[in-house]
Amino acid sequence: MRTPLTLAEIEQLPAAVDLITAARAFNLGRTLAYTLAREGRFPVPVHRHGRTYRVHTVDILRALHPDQPATPHHPAPATR
């Protein structure tokens, strides 16, 4: 298993990442990540595009640090 991602590393990720990168943020292995995604139980929403799973980085940041404001790299969504 790879080393989990740090908060600083997560903040530098692009807007969306593959499932394995997202899993590293939660310290999950590949097999468990795919199982959770398939069952709809991954810690954050997973978006399926064909045979590929993608995860929004801002969702990872919110899940890991819900009390923190969004970073400049990942601004908070607009409110209505």
PDB file of N, CA and C in Angstrom:
ATOM      1  N   MET A   1       0.838  -1.172   0.000  1.00  0.00           N
ATOM      2  CA  MET A   1       0.000   0.000   0.000  1.00  0.00           C
ATOM      3  C   MET A   1       0.890   1.245   0.000  1.00  0.00           C
ATOM      4  N   ARG A   2       0.457   2.257  -0.715  1.00  0.00           N
ATOM      5  CA  ARG A   2       1.201   3.500  -0.780  1.00  0.00           C
ATOM      6  C   ARG A   2       0.963   4.336   0.475  1.00  0.00           C
ATOM      7  N   THR A   3       1.805   5.334   0.646  1.00  0.00           N
ATOM      8  CA  THR A   3       1.662   6.255   1.762  1.00  0.00           C
ATOM      9  C   THR A   3       0.430   7.132   1.572  1.00  0.00           C
ATOM     10  N   PRO A   4      -0.341   7.378   2.632  1.00  0.00           N
ATOM     11  CA  PRO A   4      -1.508   8.263   2.498  1.00  0.00           C
ATOM     12  C   PRO A   4      -1.078   9.669   2.090  1.00  0.00           C
ATOM     13  N   LEU A   5      -1.959  10.381   1.414  1.00  0.00           N
ATOM     14  CA  LEU A   5      -1.675  11.750   1.007  1.00  0.00           C
ATOM     15  C   LEU A   5      -1.802  12.687   2.204  1.00  0.00           C
ATOM     16  N   THR A   6      -0.963  13.712   2.231  1.00  0.00           N
ATOM     17  CA  THR A   6      -1.074  14.742   3.257  1.00  0.00           C
ATOM     18  C   THR A   6      -2.087  15.785   2.800  1.00  0.00           C
ATOM     19  N   LEU A   7      -2.529  16.624   3.717  1.00  0.00           N
ATOM     20  CA  LEU A   7      -3.461  17.690   3.364  1.00  0.00           C
ATOM     21  C   LEU A   7      -2.839  18.611   2.318  1.00  0.00           C
ATOM     22  N   ALA A   8      -1.564  18.925   2.474  1.00  0.00           N
ATOM     23  CA  ALA A   8      -0.881  19.788   1.503  1.00  0.00           C
ATOM     24  C   ALA A   8      -0.873  19.144   0.116  1.00  0.00           C
ATOM     25  N   GLU A   9      -0.654  17.843   0.056  1.00  0.00           N
ATOM     26  CA  GLU A   9      -0.666  17.148  -1.239  1.00  0.00           C
ATOM     27  C   GLU A   9      -2.068  17.137  -1.844  1.00  0.00           C
ATOM     28  N   ILE A  10      -3.079  16.940  -1.013  1.00  0.00           N
ATOM     29  CA  ILE A  10      -4.458  16.922  -1.511  1.00  0.00           C
ATOM     30  C   ILE A  10      -4.830  18.284  -2.078  1.00  0.00           C
ATOM     31  N   GLU A  11      -4.424  19.351  -1.395  1.00  0.00           N
ATOM     32  CA  GLU A  11      -4.737  20.704  -1.859  1.00  0.00           C
ATOM     33  C   GLU A  11      -4.106  21.016  -3.214  1.00  0.00           C
ATOM     34  N   GLN A  12      -3.061  20.319  -3.583  1.00  0.00           N
ATOM     35  CA  GLN A  12      -2.386  20.553  -4.860  1.00  0.00           C
ATOM     36  C   GLN A  12      -2.921  19.683  -5.993  1.00  0.00           C
ATOM     37  N   LEU A  13      -3.854  18.807  -5.699  1.00  0.00           N
ATOM     38  CA  LEU A  13      -4.405  17.921  -6.726  1.00  0.00           C
ATOM     39  C   LEU A  13      -5.283  18.700  -7.696  1.00  0.00           C
ATOM     40  N   PRO A  14      -5.466  18.184  -8.908  1.00  0.00           N
ATOM     41  CA  PRO A  14      -6.399  18.822  -9.847  1.00  0.00           C
ATOM     42  C   PRO A  14      -7.836  18.712  -9.330  1.00  0.00           C
ATOM     43  N   ALA A  15      -8.754  19.345 -10.017  1.00  0.00           N
ATOM     44  CA  ALA A  15     -10.154  19.413  -9.580  1.00  0.00           C
ATOM     45  C   ALA A  15     -10.785  18.035  -9.394  1.00  0.00           C
ATOM     46  N   ALA A  16     -10.415  17.066 -10.210  1.00  0.00           N
ATOM     47  CA  ALA A  16     -10.935  15.698 -10.089  1.00  0.00           C
ATOM     48  C   ALA A  16      -9.777  14.721 -10.225  1.00  0.00           C
ATOM     49  N   VAL A  17      -9.856  13.635  -9.465  1.00  0.00           N
ATOM     50  CA  VAL A  17      -8.785  12.639  -9.470  1.00  0.00           C
ATOM     51  C   VAL A  17      -9.367  11.247  -9.667  1.00  0.00           C
ATOM     52  N   ASP A  18      -8.496  10.302  -9.986  1.00  0.00           N
ATOM     53  CA  ASP A  18      -8.924   8.913 -10.137  1.00  0.00           C
ATOM     54  C   ASP A  18      -9.210   8.316  -8.758  1.00  0.00           C
ATOM     55  N   LEU A  19      -9.872   7.193  -8.752  1.00  0.00           N
ATOM     56  CA  LEU A  19     -10.298   6.564  -7.504  1.00  0.00           C
ATOM     57  C   LEU A  19      -9.120   6.184  -6.613  1.00  0.00           C
ATOM     58  N   ILE A  20      -8.035   5.719  -7.188  1.00  0.00           N
ATOM     59  CA  ILE A  20      -6.886   5.290  -6.389  1.00  0.00           C
ATOM     60  C   ILE A  20      -6.256   6.471  -5.664  1.00  0.00           C
ATOM     61  N   THR A  21      -6.151   7.609  -6.337  1.00  0.00           N
ATOM     62  CA  THR A  21      -5.620   8.807  -5.682  1.00  0.00           C
ATOM     63  C   THR A  21      -6.536   9.228  -4.541  1.00  0.00           C
ATOM     64  N   ALA A  22      -7.841   9.224  -4.785  1.00  0.00           N
ATOM     65  CA  ALA A  22      -8.801   9.560  -3.732  1.00  0.00           C
ATOM     66  C   ALA A  22      -8.688   8.575  -2.570  1.00  0.00           C
ATOM     67  N   ALA A  23      -8.512   7.317  -2.874  1.00  0.00           N
ATOM     68  CA  ALA A  23      -8.382   6.301  -1.829  1.00  0.00           C
ATOM     69  C   ALA A  23      -7.164   6.573  -0.950  1.00  0.00           C
ATOM     70  N   ARG A  24      -6.075   7.029  -1.551  1.00  0.00           N
ATOM     71  CA  ARG A  24      -4.871   7.351  -0.771  1.00  0.00           C
ATOM     72  C   ARG A  24      -5.145   8.455   0.239  1.00  0.00           C
ATOM     73  N   ALA A  25      -6.028   9.394  -0.116  1.00  0.00           N
ATOM     74  CA  ALA A  25      -6.368  10.476   0.810  1.00  0.00           C
ATOM     75  C   ALA A  25      -7.051   9.924   2.060  1.00  0.00           C
ATOM     76  N   PHE A  26      -7.775   8.826   1.909  1.00  0.00           N
ATOM     77  CA  PHE A  26      -8.495   8.208   3.025  1.00  0.00           C
ATOM     78  C   PHE A  26      -7.751   6.997   3.595  1.00  0.00           C
ATOM     79  N   ASN A  27      -6.530   6.765   3.116  1.00  0.00           N
ATOM     80  CA  ASN A  27      -5.711   5.630   3.555  1.00  0.00           C
ATOM     81  C   ASN A  27      -6.412   4.297   3.293  1.00  0.00           C
ATOM     82  N   LEU A  28      -7.023   4.193   2.115  1.00  0.00           N
ATOM     83  CA  LEU A  28      -7.695   2.964   1.697  1.00  0.00           C
ATOM     84  C   LEU A  28      -6.883   2.285   0.603  1.00  0.00           C
ATOM     85  N   GLY A  29      -6.887   0.983   0.590  1.00  0.00           N
ATOM     86  CA  GLY A  29      -6.232   0.228  -0.464  1.00  0.00           C
ATOM     87  C   GLY A  29      -7.085   0.168  -1.719  1.00  0.00           C
ATOM     88  N   ARG A  30      -6.469  -0.262  -2.795  1.00  0.00           N
ATOM     89  CA  ARG A  30      -7.123  -0.318  -4.103  1.00  0.00           C
ATOM     90  C   ARG A  30      -8.374  -1.206  -4.107  1.00  0.00           C
ATOM     91  N   THR A  31      -8.246  -2.414  -3.608  1.00  0.00           N
ATOM     92  CA  THR A  31      -9.370  -3.356  -3.638  1.00  0.00           C
ATOM     93  C   THR A  31     -10.548  -2.834  -2.830  1.00  0.00           C
ATOM     94  N   LEU A  32     -10.277  -2.345  -1.626  1.00  0.00           N
ATOM     95  CA  LEU A  32     -11.351  -1.808  -0.795  1.00  0.00           C
ATOM     96  C   LEU A  32     -11.982  -0.579  -1.448  1.00  0.00           C
ATOM     97  N   ALA A  33     -11.172   0.276  -2.048  1.00  0.00           N
ATOM     98  CA  ALA A  33     -11.699   1.480  -2.706  1.00  0.00           C
ATOM     99  C   ALA A  33     -12.674   1.108  -3.816  1.00  0.00           C
ATOM    100  N   TYR A  34     -12.298   0.156  -4.656  1.00  0.00           N
ATOM    101  CA  TYR A  34     -13.193  -0.254  -5.743  1.00  0.00           C
ATOM    102  C   TYR A  34     -14.455  -0.932  -5.202  1.00  0.00           C
ATOM    103  N   THR A  35     -14.314  -1.707  -4.140  1.00  0.00           N
ATOM    104  CA  THR A  35     -15.482  -2.345  -3.537  1.00  0.00           C
ATOM    105  C   THR A  35     -16.441  -1.291  -2.992  1.00  0.00           C
ATOM    106  N   LEU A  36     -15.915  -0.324  -2.255  1.00  0.00           N
ATOM    107  CA  LEU A  36     -16.757   0.736  -1.695  1.00  0.00           C
ATOM    108  C   LEU A  36     -17.413   1.569  -2.790  1.00  0.00           C
ATOM    109  N   ALA A  37     -16.672   1.879  -3.841  1.00  0.00           N
ATOM    110  CA  ALA A  37     -17.234   2.663  -4.951  1.00  0.00           C
ATOM    111  C   ALA A  37     -18.357   1.893  -5.634  1.00  0.00           C
ATOM    112  N   ARG A  38     -18.127   0.621  -5.885  1.00  0.00           N
ATOM    113  CA  ARG A  38     -19.126  -0.220  -6.548  1.00  0.00           C
ATOM    114  C   ARG A  38     -20.400  -0.326  -5.709  1.00  0.00           C
ATOM    115  N   GLU A  39     -20.242  -0.373  -4.383  1.00  0.00           N
ATOM    116  CA  GLU A  39     -21.384  -0.510  -3.476  1.00  0.00           C
ATOM    117  C   GLU A  39     -21.991   0.835  -3.079  1.00  0.00           C
ATOM    118  N   GLY A  40     -21.414   1.938  -3.579  1.00  0.00           N
ATOM    119  CA  GLY A  40     -21.916   3.261  -3.225  1.00  0.00           C
ATOM    120  C   GLY A  40     -21.592   3.674  -1.804  1.00  0.00           C
ATOM    121  N   ARG A  41     -20.506   3.123  -1.240  1.00  0.00           N
ATOM    122  CA  ARG A  41     -20.144   3.396   0.151  1.00  0.00           C
ATOM    123  C   ARG A  41     -18.800   4.100   0.303  1.00  0.00           C
ATOM    124  N   PHE A  42     -18.226   4.601  -0.795  1.00  0.00           N
ATOM    125  CA  PHE A  42     -16.964   5.339  -0.705  1.00  0.00           C
ATOM    126  C   PHE A  42     -17.216   6.593   0.140  1.00  0.00           C
ATOM    127  N   PRO A  43     -16.229   7.083   0.901  1.00  0.00           N
ATOM    128  CA  PRO A  43     -16.463   8.208   1.818  1.00  0.00           C
ATOM    129  C   PRO A  43     -16.993   9.500   1.181  1.00  0.00           C
ATOM    130  N   VAL A  44     -16.792   9.680  -0.108  1.00  0.00           N
ATOM    131  CA  VAL A  44     -17.297  10.859  -0.826  1.00  0.00           C
ATOM    132  C   VAL A  44     -17.945  10.392  -2.124  1.00  0.00           C
ATOM    133  N   PRO A  45     -18.745  11.252  -2.766  1.00  0.00           N
ATOM    134  CA  PRO A  45     -19.364  10.843  -4.035  1.00  0.00           C
ATOM    135  C   PRO A  45     -18.326  10.452  -5.092  1.00  0.00           C
ATOM    136  N   VAL A  46     -18.627   9.399  -5.804  1.00  0.00           N
ATOM    137  CA  VAL A  46     -17.773   8.897  -6.885  1.00  0.00           C
ATOM    138  C   VAL A  46     -18.565   9.007  -8.181  1.00  0.00           C
ATOM    139  N   HIS A  47     -17.914   9.513  -9.213  1.00  0.00           N
ATOM    140  CA  HIS A  47     -18.566   9.700 -10.507  1.00  0.00           C
ATOM    141  C   HIS A  47     -17.986   8.696 -11.491  1.00  0.00           C
ATOM    142  N   ARG A  48     -18.850   7.942 -12.115  1.00  0.00           N
ATOM    143  CA  ARG A  48     -18.402   6.921 -13.065  1.00  0.00           C
ATOM    144  C   ARG A  48     -18.506   7.473 -14.477  1.00  0.00           C
ATOM    145  N   HIS A  49     -17.420   7.390 -15.212  1.00  0.00           N
ATOM    146  CA  HIS A  49     -17.362   7.819 -16.607  1.00  0.00           C
ATOM    147  C   HIS A  49     -16.871   6.618 -17.416  1.00  0.00           C
ATOM    148  N   GLY A  50     -17.808   5.900 -18.009  1.00  0.00           N
ATOM    149  CA  GLY A  50     -17.435   4.674 -18.715  1.00  0.00           C
ATOM    150  C   GLY A  50     -16.927   3.660 -17.712  1.00  0.00           C
ATOM    151  N   ARG A  51     -15.688   3.241 -17.880  1.00  0.00           N
ATOM    152  CA  ARG A  51     -15.082   2.269 -16.963  1.00  0.00           C
ATOM    153  C   ARG A  51     -14.213   2.939 -15.906  1.00  0.00           C
ATOM    154  N   THR A  52     -14.242   4.260 -15.850  1.00  0.00           N
ATOM    155  CA  THR A  52     -13.372   5.015 -14.957  1.00  0.00           C
ATOM    156  C   THR A  52     -14.167   5.676 -13.836  1.00  0.00           C
ATOM    157  N   TYR A  53     -13.619   5.640 -12.632  1.00  0.00           N
ATOM    158  CA  TYR A  53     -14.194   6.357 -11.495  1.00  0.00           C
ATOM    159  C   TYR A  53     -13.403   7.645 -11.289  1.00  0.00           C
ATOM    160  N   ARG A  54     -14.101   8.764 -11.035  1.00  0.00           N
ATOM    161  CA  ARG A  54     -13.466  10.048 -10.740  1.00  0.00           C
ATOM    162  C   ARG A  54     -14.067  10.596  -9.451  1.00  0.00           C
ATOM    163  N   VAL A  55     -13.254  11.330  -8.714  1.00  0.00           N
ATOM    164  CA  VAL A  55     -13.682  11.926  -7.451  1.00  0.00           C
ATOM    165  C   VAL A  55     -13.263  13.392  -7.462  1.00  0.00           C
ATOM    166  N   HIS A  56     -14.169  14.281  -7.045  1.00  0.00           N
ATOM    167  CA  HIS A  56     -13.850  15.706  -6.973  1.00  0.00           C
ATOM    168  C   HIS A  56     -12.986  15.967  -5.743  1.00  0.00           C
ATOM    169  N   THR A  57     -11.884  16.651  -5.955  1.00  0.00           N
ATOM    170  CA  THR A  57     -10.948  16.933  -4.873  1.00  0.00           C
ATOM    171  C   THR A  57     -11.597  17.751  -3.764  1.00  0.00           C
ATOM    172  N   VAL A  58     -12.444  18.689  -4.116  1.00  0.00           N
ATOM    173  CA  VAL A  58     -13.103  19.510  -3.094  1.00  0.00           C
ATOM    174  C   VAL A  58     -13.945  18.638  -2.162  1.00  0.00           C
ATOM    175  N   ASP A  59     -14.523  17.558  -2.658  1.00  0.00           N
ATOM    176  CA  ASP A  59     -15.286  16.641  -1.804  1.00  0.00           C
ATOM    177  C   ASP A  59     -14.370  15.935  -0.807  1.00  0.00           C
ATOM    178  N   ILE A  60     -13.180  15.585  -1.260  1.00  0.00           N
ATOM    179  CA  ILE A  60     -12.200  14.953  -0.362  1.00  0.00           C
ATOM    180  C   ILE A  60     -11.826  15.927   0.750  1.00  0.00           C
ATOM    181  N   LEU A  61     -11.514  17.168   0.366  1.00  0.00           N
ATOM    182  CA  LEU A  61     -11.129  18.174   1.359  1.00  0.00           C
ATOM    183  C   LEU A  61     -12.244  18.411   2.371  1.00  0.00           C
ATOM    184  N   ARG A  62     -13.459  18.501   1.908  1.00  0.00           N
ATOM    185  CA  ARG A  62     -14.595  18.724   2.815  1.00  0.00           C
ATOM    186  C   ARG A  62     -14.794  17.540   3.755  1.00  0.00           C
ATOM    187  N   ALA A  63     -14.610  16.334   3.258  1.00  0.00           N
ATOM    188  CA  ALA A  63     -14.799  15.144   4.092  1.00  0.00           C
ATOM    189  C   ALA A  63     -13.722  15.035   5.171  1.00  0.00           C
ATOM    190  N   LEU A  64     -12.501  15.381   4.815  1.00  0.00           N
ATOM    191  CA  LEU A  64     -11.401  15.255   5.763  1.00  0.00           C
ATOM    192  C   LEU A  64     -11.332  16.420   6.741  1.00  0.00           C
ATOM    193  N   HIS A  65     -11.784  17.591   6.311  1.00  0.00           N
ATOM    194  CA  HIS A  65     -11.713  18.798   7.149  1.00  0.00           C
ATOM    195  C   HIS A  65     -12.986  19.615   6.990  1.00  0.00           C
ATOM    196  N   PRO A  66     -14.106  19.127   7.504  1.00  0.00           N
ATOM    197  CA  PRO A  66     -15.390  19.812   7.293  1.00  0.00           C
ATOM    198  C   PRO A  66     -15.465  21.198   7.923  1.00  0.00           C
ATOM    199  N   ASP A  67     -14.651  21.470   8.944  1.00  0.00           N
ATOM    200  CA  ASP A  67     -14.692  22.769   9.611  1.00  0.00           C
ATOM    201  C   ASP A  67     -13.790  23.804   8.950  1.00  0.00           C
ATOM    202  N   GLN A  68     -12.996  23.393   7.971  1.00  0.00           N
ATOM    203  CA  GLN A  68     -12.070  24.293   7.286  1.00  0.00           C
ATOM    204  C   GLN A  68     -12.753  24.934   6.087  1.00  0.00           C
ATOM    205  N   PRO A  69     -12.485  26.227   5.834  1.00  0.00           N
ATOM    206  CA  PRO A  69     -13.015  26.827   4.605  1.00  0.00           C
ATOM    207  C   PRO A  69     -12.294  26.254   3.394  1.00  0.00           C
ATOM    208  N   ALA A  70     -12.902  26.398   2.246  1.00  0.00           N
ATOM    209  CA  ALA A  70     -12.267  25.923   1.013  1.00  0.00           C
ATOM    210  C   ALA A  70     -10.977  26.702   0.788  1.00  0.00           C
ATOM    211  N   THR A  71     -10.019  26.093   0.134  1.00  0.00           N
ATOM    212  CA  THR A  71      -8.744  26.747  -0.145  1.00  0.00           C
ATOM    213  C   THR A  71      -8.864  27.585  -1.414  1.00  0.00           C
ATOM    214  N   PRO A  72      -7.925  28.499  -1.647  1.00  0.00           N
ATOM    215  CA  PRO A  72      -7.975  29.283  -2.885  1.00  0.00           C
ATOM    216  C   PRO A  72      -7.944  28.398  -4.128  1.00  0.00           C
ATOM    217  N   HIS A  73      -7.252  27.270  -4.027  1.00  0.00           N
ATOM    218  CA  HIS A  73      -7.165  26.358  -5.171  1.00  0.00           C
ATOM    219  C   HIS A  73      -8.513  25.692  -5.432  1.00  0.00           C
ATOM    220  N   HIS A  74      -9.301  25.530  -4.380  1.00  0.00           N
ATOM    221  CA  HIS A  74     -10.615  24.888  -4.467  1.00  0.00           C
ATOM    222  C   HIS A  74     -11.640  25.777  -3.769  1.00  0.00           C
ATOM    223  N   PRO A  75     -12.131  26.828  -4.431  1.00  0.00           N
ATOM    224  CA  PRO A  75     -13.070  27.736  -3.774  1.00  0.00           C
ATOM    225  C   PRO A  75     -14.387  27.059  -3.409  1.00  0.00           C
ATOM    226  N   ALA A  76     -15.045  27.627  -2.430  1.00  0.00           N
ATOM    227  CA  ALA A  76     -16.353  27.114  -2.010  1.00  0.00           C
ATOM    228  C   ALA A  76     -17.365  27.327  -3.128  1.00  0.00           C
ATOM    229  N   PRO A  77     -18.354  26.446  -3.244  1.00  0.00           N
ATOM    230  CA  PRO A  77     -19.363  26.614  -4.285  1.00  0.00           C
ATOM    231  C   PRO A  77     -20.220  27.849  -4.015  1.00  0.00           C
ATOM    232  N   ALA A  78     -20.726  28.431  -5.065  1.00  0.00           N
ATOM    233  CA  ALA A  78     -21.586  29.608  -4.935  1.00  0.00           C
ATOM    234  C   ALA A  78     -22.894  29.217  -4.262  1.00  0.00           C
ATOM    235  N   THR A  79     -23.394  30.095  -3.420  1.00  0.00           N
ATOM    236  CA  THR A  79     -24.684  29.844  -2.777  1.00  0.00           C
ATOM    237  C   THR A  79     -25.739  30.703  -3.443  1.00  0.00           C
ATOM    238  N   ARG A  80     -26.961  30.242  -3.384  1.00  0.00           N
ATOM    239  CA  ARG A  80     -28.050  30.986  -4.037  1.00  0.00           C
ATOM    240  C   ARG A  80     -28.860  31.741  -3.039  1.00  0.00           C
TER     241      ARG A  80
END
